[in-house]
Amino acid sequence: MKTTNSNENSPLSETTLYILISLAPGPLHGYAIAKEVQALSKNRIILSVSTLYTTLKRLLEAGWIERLGEDPDPNEGGRPRKVYTLTERGHSIIGAEKERMLRLLALVPSRAVAEEK
């Protein structure tokens, strides 16, 4: 499994974070990931097939997710679905992003920030 250090300390894109979070409870196939991201984002993020699989490929190459095999329930076209799961590294990345966001949010009360009306 190839691991890269590129951008591991940078904030994750919203799409990447939603995909990783969608896989946190357990393995999913691509279509289920897209539906979970849509549900988690309350329909704000609707992934195109291209965006989903480009991101999944990048996460596979980084070693943040891995392919488990194929879902025994094929898609409508009869093709088996690829199933993905988080690796330990992927779980660590979510934890690091959560800590980064909490540190940022902790700054808000200490700064003069206009309240939303």
Protein backbone atom coordinates (compact mmCIF):
# COMPACT_ATOMS: atom_id res chain seq x y z
CA MET A 1 0.00 0.00 0.00
CA LYS A 2 1.43 3.34 -1.04
CA THR A 3 1.33 6.18 1.44
CA THR A 4 1.94 9.80 0.56
CA ASN A 5 2.69 12.70 2.81
CA SER A 6 1.30 15.29 0.43
CA ASN A 7 -1.36 17.44 2.02
CA GLU A 8 -1.69 15.23 5.12
CA ASN A 9 -1.23 18.30 7.32
CA SER A 10 -3.40 20.53 5.15
CA PRO A 11 -7.11 21.01 5.69
CA LEU A 12 -9.14 18.41 3.83
CA SER A 13 -11.49 19.44 1.09
CA GLU A 14 -15.12 19.19 2.08
CA THR A 15 -15.68 16.40 -0.46
CA THR A 16 -12.76 14.37 0.88
CA LEU A 17 -13.89 14.79 4.48
CA TYR A 18 -17.47 13.78 3.68
CA ILE A 19 -16.28 10.68 1.81
CA LEU A 20 -14.02 9.65 4.69
CA ILE A 21 -16.80 10.26 7.23
CA SER A 22 -19.25 8.25 5.11
CA LEU A 23 -16.89 5.26 5.40
CA ALA A 24 -16.32 5.60 9.16
CA PRO A 25 -19.20 3.30 10.20
CA GLY A 26 -18.15 0.57 7.75
CA PRO A 27 -17.51 -0.45 4.14
CA LEU A 28 -19.61 0.95 1.29
CA HIS A 29 -19.67 0.73 -2.49
CA GLY A 30 -19.29 3.87 -4.60
CA TYR A 31 -22.98 4.58 -5.16
CA ALA A 32 -23.69 4.15 -1.43
CA ILE A 33 -20.84 6.56 -0.61
CA ALA A 34 -22.34 9.17 -2.93
CA LYS A 35 -25.79 8.74 -1.32
CA GLU A 36 -24.32 8.91 2.19
CA VAL A 37 -22.41 12.12 1.37
CA GLN A 38 -25.62 13.62 -0.02
CA ALA A 39 -27.51 12.66 3.16
CA LEU A 40 -24.77 13.83 5.54
CA SER A 41 -24.56 17.18 3.76
CA LYS A 42 -28.37 17.52 3.73
CA ASN A 43 -28.36 17.53 -0.10
CA ARG A 44 -25.78 20.33 -0.29
CA ILE A 45 -23.15 18.07 -1.87
CA ILE A 46 -24.15 15.86 -4.77
CA LEU A 47 -21.11 14.05 -6.11
CA SER A 48 -20.72 13.46 -9.82
CA VAL A 49 -19.40 10.05 -10.81
CA SER A 50 -16.19 11.71 -11.99
CA THR A 51 -15.60 13.57 -8.71
CA LEU A 52 -16.42 10.52 -6.61
CA TYR A 53 -14.12 8.10 -8.41
CA THR A 54 -11.30 10.62 -8.86
CA THR A 55 -11.37 11.27 -5.11
CA LEU A 56 -11.61 7.54 -4.29
CA LYS A 57 -8.60 6.87 -6.53
CA ARG A 58 -6.59 9.57 -4.74
CA LEU A 59 -7.59 8.23 -1.32
CA LEU A 60 -6.62 4.69 -2.38
CA GLU A 61 -3.22 5.90 -3.58
CA ALA A 62 -2.68 7.80 -0.31
CA GLY A 63 -3.53 4.69 1.71
CA TRP A 64 -6.45 6.36 3.50
CA ILE A 65 -8.97 3.83 2.13
CA GLU A 66 -8.69 0.37 0.62
CA ARG A 67 -10.79 -1.81 -1.61
CA LEU A 68 -12.32 -4.82 0.07
CA GLY A 69 -13.51 -6.56 -3.04
CA GLU A 70 -16.91 -6.52 -4.60
CA ASP A 71 -20.39 -6.20 -3.20
CA PRO A 72 -22.23 -9.49 -3.82
CA ASP A 73 -25.28 -7.46 -4.87
CA PRO A 74 -24.49 -6.21 -8.39
CA ASN A 75 -25.69 -2.87 -9.70
CA GLU A 76 -28.63 -2.51 -12.10
CA GLY A 77 -26.39 -3.30 -15.06
CA GLY A 78 -25.31 -6.59 -13.48
CA ARG A 79 -21.77 -5.35 -12.81
CA PRO A 80 -20.31 -6.04 -9.35
CA ARG A 81 -19.81 -2.95 -7.19
CA LYS A 82 -16.41 -2.12 -5.72
CA VAL A 83 -16.49 -1.87 -1.92
CA TYR A 84 -14.26 0.56 -0.01
CA THR A 85 -13.30 0.87 3.65
CA LEU A 86 -11.20 3.20 5.77
CA THR A 87 -7.71 2.13 6.72
CA GLU A 88 -6.21 2.89 10.11
CA ARG A 89 -4.52 5.85 8.43
CA GLY A 90 -7.90 7.05 7.17
CA HIS A 91 -9.33 6.93 10.68
CA SER A 92 -6.29 8.90 11.90
CA ILE A 93 -6.81 11.51 9.19
CA ILE A 94 -10.42 12.05 10.30
CA GLY A 95 -9.25 12.40 13.91
CA ALA A 96 -6.56 14.91 12.94
CA GLU A 97 -9.05 16.95 10.91
CA LYS A 98 -11.51 16.92 13.80
CA GLU A 99 -8.81 18.23 16.17
CA ARG A 100 -7.79 20.92 13.65
CA MET A 101 -11.39 22.09 13.33
CA LEU A 102 -11.95 22.09 17.10
CA ARG A 103 -8.81 24.22 17.59
CA LEU A 104 -10.14 26.70 15.03
CA LEU A 105 -13.59 26.81 16.60
CA ALA A 106 -12.05 27.40 20.03
CA LEU A 107 -10.67 30.69 18.68
CA VAL A 108 -14.09 32.06 17.79
CA PRO A 109 -15.21 33.11 21.31
CA SER A 110 -11.90 34.88 21.93
CA ARG A 111 -12.18 37.07 18.84
CA ALA A 112 -14.61 39.77 17.86
CA VAL A 113 -16.73 37.91 15.35
CA ALA A 114 -19.95 39.36 14.03
CA GLU A 115 -22.93 37.27 15.03
CA GLU A 116 -25.17 35.98 12.24
CA LYS A 117 -28.66 37.44 12.25
